[in-house]
PDB file of N, CA and C in Angstrom:
ATOM      1  N   MET A   1     204.036  23.608  89.698  1.00  0.00           N
ATOM      2  CA  MET A   1     203.254  22.353  89.700  1.00  0.00           C
ATOM      3  C   MET A   1     201.871  22.368  89.274  1.00  0.00           C
ATOM      4  N   GLN A   2     201.347  21.508  88.190  1.00  0.00           N
ATOM      5  CA  GLN A   2     199.792  21.383  88.023  1.00  0.00           C
ATOM      6  C   GLN A   2     199.364  20.156  88.638  1.00  0.00           C
ATOM      7  N   SER A   3     198.287  20.462  89.383  1.00  0.00           N
ATOM      8  CA  SER A   3     197.525  19.274  90.082  1.00  0.00           C
ATOM      9  C   SER A   3     196.671  18.565  89.131  1.00  0.00           C
ATOM     10  N   CYS A   4     196.240  17.511  89.798  1.00  0.00           N
ATOM     11  CA  CYS A   4     195.648  16.376  88.914  1.00  0.00           C
ATOM     12  C   CYS A   4     194.139  17.190  89.340  1.00  0.00           C
ATOM     13  N   ALA A   5     193.371  16.997  88.204  1.00  0.00           N
ATOM     14  CA  ALA A   5     191.922  17.684  88.379  1.00  0.00           C
ATOM     15  C   ALA A   5     191.031  16.815  89.122  1.00  0.00           C
ATOM     16  N   ILE A   6     191.536  15.337  89.148  1.00  0.00           N
ATOM     17  CA  ILE A   6     190.629  14.389  90.026  1.00  0.00           C
ATOM     18  C   ILE A   6     190.758  14.690  91.505  1.00  0.00           C
ATOM     19  N   CYS A   7     191.710  14.379  91.739  1.00  0.00           N
ATOM     20  CA  CYS A   7     192.107  14.316  93.321  1.00  0.00           C
ATOM     21  C   CYS A   7     192.557  15.634  93.957  1.00  0.00           C
ATOM     22  N   MET A   8     192.939  16.688  93.069  1.00  0.00           N
ATOM     23  CA  MET A   8     193.577  17.860  93.374  1.00  0.00           C
ATOM     24  C   MET A   8     194.733  18.141  94.423  1.00  0.00           C
ATOM     25  N   ASP A   9     195.380  17.002  94.385  1.00  0.00           N
ATOM     26  CA  ASP A   9     196.636  16.851  95.396  1.00  0.00           C
ATOM     27  C   ASP A   9     197.920  16.596  94.532  1.00  0.00           C
ATOM     28  N   LYS A  10     198.015  15.471  93.961  1.00  0.00           N
ATOM     29  CA  LYS A  10     199.241  15.106  93.233  1.00  0.00           C
ATOM     30  C   LYS A  10     199.395  15.629  92.096  1.00  0.00           C
ATOM     31  N   SER A  11     200.704  15.847  91.578  1.00  0.00           N
ATOM     32  CA  SER A  11     201.310  16.481  90.377  1.00  0.00           C
ATOM     33  C   SER A  11     200.620  15.407  89.148  1.00  0.00           C
ATOM     34  N   LYS A  12     200.407  15.992  87.855  1.00  0.00           N
ATOM     35  CA  LYS A  12     199.845  15.205  86.921  1.00  0.00           C
ATOM     36  C   LYS A  12     201.180  14.633  86.251  1.00  0.00           C
ATOM     37  N   ASP A  13     201.224  13.373  86.238  1.00  0.00           N
ATOM     38  CA  ASP A  13     202.109  12.594  85.559  1.00  0.00           C
ATOM     39  C   ASP A  13     201.496  11.405  84.692  1.00  0.00           C
ATOM     40  N   LEU A  14     200.633  11.364  84.354  1.00  0.00           N
ATOM     41  CA  LEU A  14     200.030  10.299  83.380  1.00  0.00           C
ATOM     42  C   LEU A  14     199.157  11.378  82.213  1.00  0.00           C
ATOM     43  N   ALA A  15     199.534  10.876  81.215  1.00  0.00           N
ATOM     44  CA  ALA A  15     199.126  11.651  79.837  1.00  0.00           C
ATOM     45  C   ALA A  15     198.288  10.500  78.922  1.00  0.00           C
ATOM     46  N   PHE A  16     196.991  10.847  78.398  1.00  0.00           N
ATOM     47  CA  PHE A  16     196.245  10.108  77.728  1.00  0.00           C
ATOM     48  C   PHE A  16     196.509  10.416  76.103  1.00  0.00           C
ATOM     49  N   GLY A  17     196.165   9.703  75.226  1.00  0.00           N
ATOM     50  CA  GLY A  17     196.173   9.574  73.844  1.00  0.00           C
ATOM     51  C   GLY A  17     195.318  10.811  73.438  1.00  0.00           C
ATOM     52  N   CYS A  18     194.605  11.369  74.325  1.00  0.00           N
ATOM     53  CA  CYS A  18     193.650  12.671  73.924  1.00  0.00           C
ATOM     54  C   CYS A  18     194.334  13.753  74.306  1.00  0.00           C
ATOM     55  N   GLY A  19     195.494  13.758  75.185  1.00  0.00           N
ATOM     56  CA  GLY A  19     196.247  15.047  75.554  1.00  0.00           C
ATOM     57  C   GLY A  19     196.063  15.325  76.785  1.00  0.00           C
ATOM     58  N   HIS A  20     194.854  15.004  77.468  1.00  0.00           N
ATOM     59  CA  HIS A  20     194.574  15.198  78.915  1.00  0.00           C
ATOM     60  C   HIS A  20     195.477  14.713  79.817  1.00  0.00           C
ATOM     61  N   GLN A  21     195.715  14.980  81.220  1.00  0.00           N
ATOM     62  CA  GLN A  21     196.438  14.609  81.973  1.00  0.00           C
ATOM     63  C   GLN A  21     195.906  14.209  83.329  1.00  0.00           C
ATOM     64  N   THR A  22     196.329  13.343  83.969  1.00  0.00           N
ATOM     65  CA  THR A  22     196.121  13.200  85.378  1.00  0.00           C
ATOM     66  C   THR A  22     197.117  12.603  86.393  1.00  0.00           C
ATOM     67  N   CYS A  23     197.104  12.562  87.403  1.00  0.00           N
ATOM     68  CA  CYS A  23     198.317  11.666  88.529  1.00  0.00           C
ATOM     69  C   CYS A  23     197.956  10.293  88.100  1.00  0.00           C
ATOM     70  N   TYR A  24     199.090   9.613  88.207  1.00  0.00           N
ATOM     71  CA  TYR A  24     199.199   8.056  88.149  1.00  0.00           C
ATOM     72  C   TYR A  24     198.134   7.315  88.673  1.00  0.00           C
ATOM     73  N   ASP A  25     197.989   7.690  90.059  1.00  0.00           N
ATOM     74  CA  ASP A  25     197.090   7.135  90.773  1.00  0.00           C
ATOM     75  C   ASP A  25     195.554   7.107  90.436  1.00  0.00           C
ATOM     76  N   CYS A  26     195.123   8.307  89.948  1.00  0.00           N
ATOM     77  CA  CYS A  26     193.667   8.351  89.695  1.00  0.00           C
ATOM     78  C   CYS A  26     193.474   7.802  88.111  1.00  0.00           C
ATOM     79  N   GLY A  27     194.557   7.874  87.202  1.00  0.00           N
ATOM     80  CA  GLY A  27     194.333   7.921  85.941  1.00  0.00           C
ATOM     81  C   GLY A  27     194.776   6.339  85.567  1.00  0.00           C
ATOM     82  N   LYS A  28     195.258   5.507  86.461  1.00  0.00           N
ATOM     83  CA  LYS A  28     195.840   4.011  85.973  1.00  0.00           C
ATOM     84  C   LYS A  28     194.502   3.113  85.568  1.00  0.00           C
ATOM     85  N   ASN A  29     193.516   3.365  86.288  1.00  0.00           N
ATOM     86  CA  ASN A  29     192.191   2.263  86.157  1.00  0.00           C
ATOM     87  C   ASN A  29     191.358   3.036  85.362  1.00  0.00           C
ATOM     88  N   LEU A  30     191.206   4.313  84.760  1.00  0.00           N
ATOM     89  CA  LEU A  30     190.194   5.096  84.119  1.00  0.00           C
ATOM     90  C   LEU A  30     189.914   4.087  82.593  1.00  0.00           C
ATOM     91  N   VAL A  31     188.672   4.039  82.155  1.00  0.00           N
ATOM     92  CA  VAL A  31     188.222   3.561  80.818  1.00  0.00           C
ATOM     93  C   VAL A  31     188.234   4.885  79.939  1.00  0.00           C
ATOM     94  N   ARG A  32     187.636   5.727  80.662  1.00  0.00           N
ATOM     95  CA  ARG A  32     187.400   6.938  79.646  1.00  0.00           C
ATOM     96  C   ARG A  32     187.977   8.149  80.322  1.00  0.00           C
ATOM     97  N   CYS A  33     188.268   9.091  79.447  1.00  0.00           N
ATOM     98  CA  CYS A  33     189.107  10.463  80.195  1.00  0.00           C
ATOM     99  C   CYS A  33     187.951  11.253  80.757  1.00  0.00           C
ATOM    100  N   PRO A  34     188.147  11.791  81.952  1.00  0.00           N
ATOM    101  CA  PRO A  34     187.213  12.462  82.667  1.00  0.00           C
ATOM    102  C   PRO A  34     187.138  13.666  82.206  1.00  0.00           C
ATOM    103  N   MET A  35     188.156  14.483  81.170  1.00  0.00           N
ATOM    104  CA  MET A  35     187.756  15.662  80.855  1.00  0.00           C
ATOM    105  C   MET A  35     186.802  15.624  79.308  1.00  0.00           C
ATOM    106  N   CYS A  36     187.259  14.750  78.467  1.00  0.00           N
ATOM    107  CA  CYS A  36     186.550  14.631  77.517  1.00  0.00           C
ATOM    108  C   CYS A  36     185.756  13.577  76.966  1.00  0.00           C
ATOM    109  N   GLN A  37     185.920  12.615  77.837  1.00  0.00           N
ATOM    110  CA  GLN A  37     184.978  11.225  77.767  1.00  0.00           C
ATOM    111  C   GLN A  37     185.424  10.452  76.719  1.00  0.00           C
ATOM    112  N   GLN A  38     186.692  10.732  75.957  1.00  0.00           N
ATOM    113  CA  GLN A  38     186.921   9.902  74.932  1.00  0.00           C
ATOM    114  C   GLN A  38     187.562   8.518  75.388  1.00  0.00           C
ATOM    115  N   HIS A  39     187.449   7.128  75.014  1.00  0.00           N
ATOM    116  CA  HIS A  39     188.085   5.858  75.407  1.00  0.00           C
ATOM    117  C   HIS A  39     189.523   5.998  75.469  1.00  0.00           C
ATOM    118  N   ILE A  40     189.927   5.888  76.324  1.00  0.00           N
ATOM    119  CA  ILE A  40     191.746   5.959  76.781  1.00  0.00           C
ATOM    120  C   ILE A  40     192.311   4.790  76.043  1.00  0.00           C
ATOM    121  N   THR A  41     193.035   4.695  75.105  1.00  0.00           N
ATOM    122  CA  THR A  41     193.685   3.528  74.543  1.00  0.00           C
ATOM    123  C   THR A  41     195.363   3.905  74.903  1.00  0.00           C
ATOM    124  N   THR A  42     195.730   4.815  75.087  1.00  0.00           N
ATOM    125  CA  THR A  42     197.175   5.094  75.402  1.00  0.00           C
ATOM    126  C   THR A  42     197.425   5.806  76.665  1.00  0.00           C
ATOM    127  N   ARG A  43     198.409   5.341  77.313  1.00  0.00           N
ATOM    128  CA  ARG A  43     198.769   6.023  78.800  1.00  0.00           C
ATOM    129  C   ARG A  43     200.319   6.259  78.724  1.00  0.00           C
ATOM    130  N   ILE A  44     200.655   7.452  78.641  1.00  0.00           N
ATOM    131  CA  ILE A  44     202.090   7.658  78.971  1.00  0.00           C
ATOM    132  C   ILE A  44     202.535   8.204  80.330  1.00  0.00           C
ATOM    133  N   ARG A  45     203.381   7.630  80.662  1.00  0.00           N
ATOM    134  CA  ARG A  45     204.048   8.300  82.324  1.00  0.00           C
ATOM    135  C   ARG A  45     204.819   9.527  81.919  1.00  0.00           C
ATOM    136  N   LEU A  46     204.824  10.516  82.710  1.00  0.00           N
ATOM    137  CA  LEU A  46     205.555  11.769  82.452  1.00  0.00           C
ATOM    138  C   LEU A  46     206.396  11.919  83.717  1.00  0.00           C
ATOM    139  N   TYR A  47     207.880  12.214  83.505  1.00  0.00           N
ATOM    140  CA  TYR A  47     208.661  12.604  84.442  1.00  0.00           C
ATOM    141  C   TYR A  47     209.386  13.690  84.599  1.00  0.00           C
TER     142      TYR A  47
END
């Protein structure tokens, strides 16, 4: 299991267009990727 880089608790289940991932709870309201600072235009749920 890969943990979310923001909360360090939940598994990564949300990917952004830039390719970086977080958990859904941390990433659902972000405007910029916390890793590369690109504007988030696409969110993809991972199962």
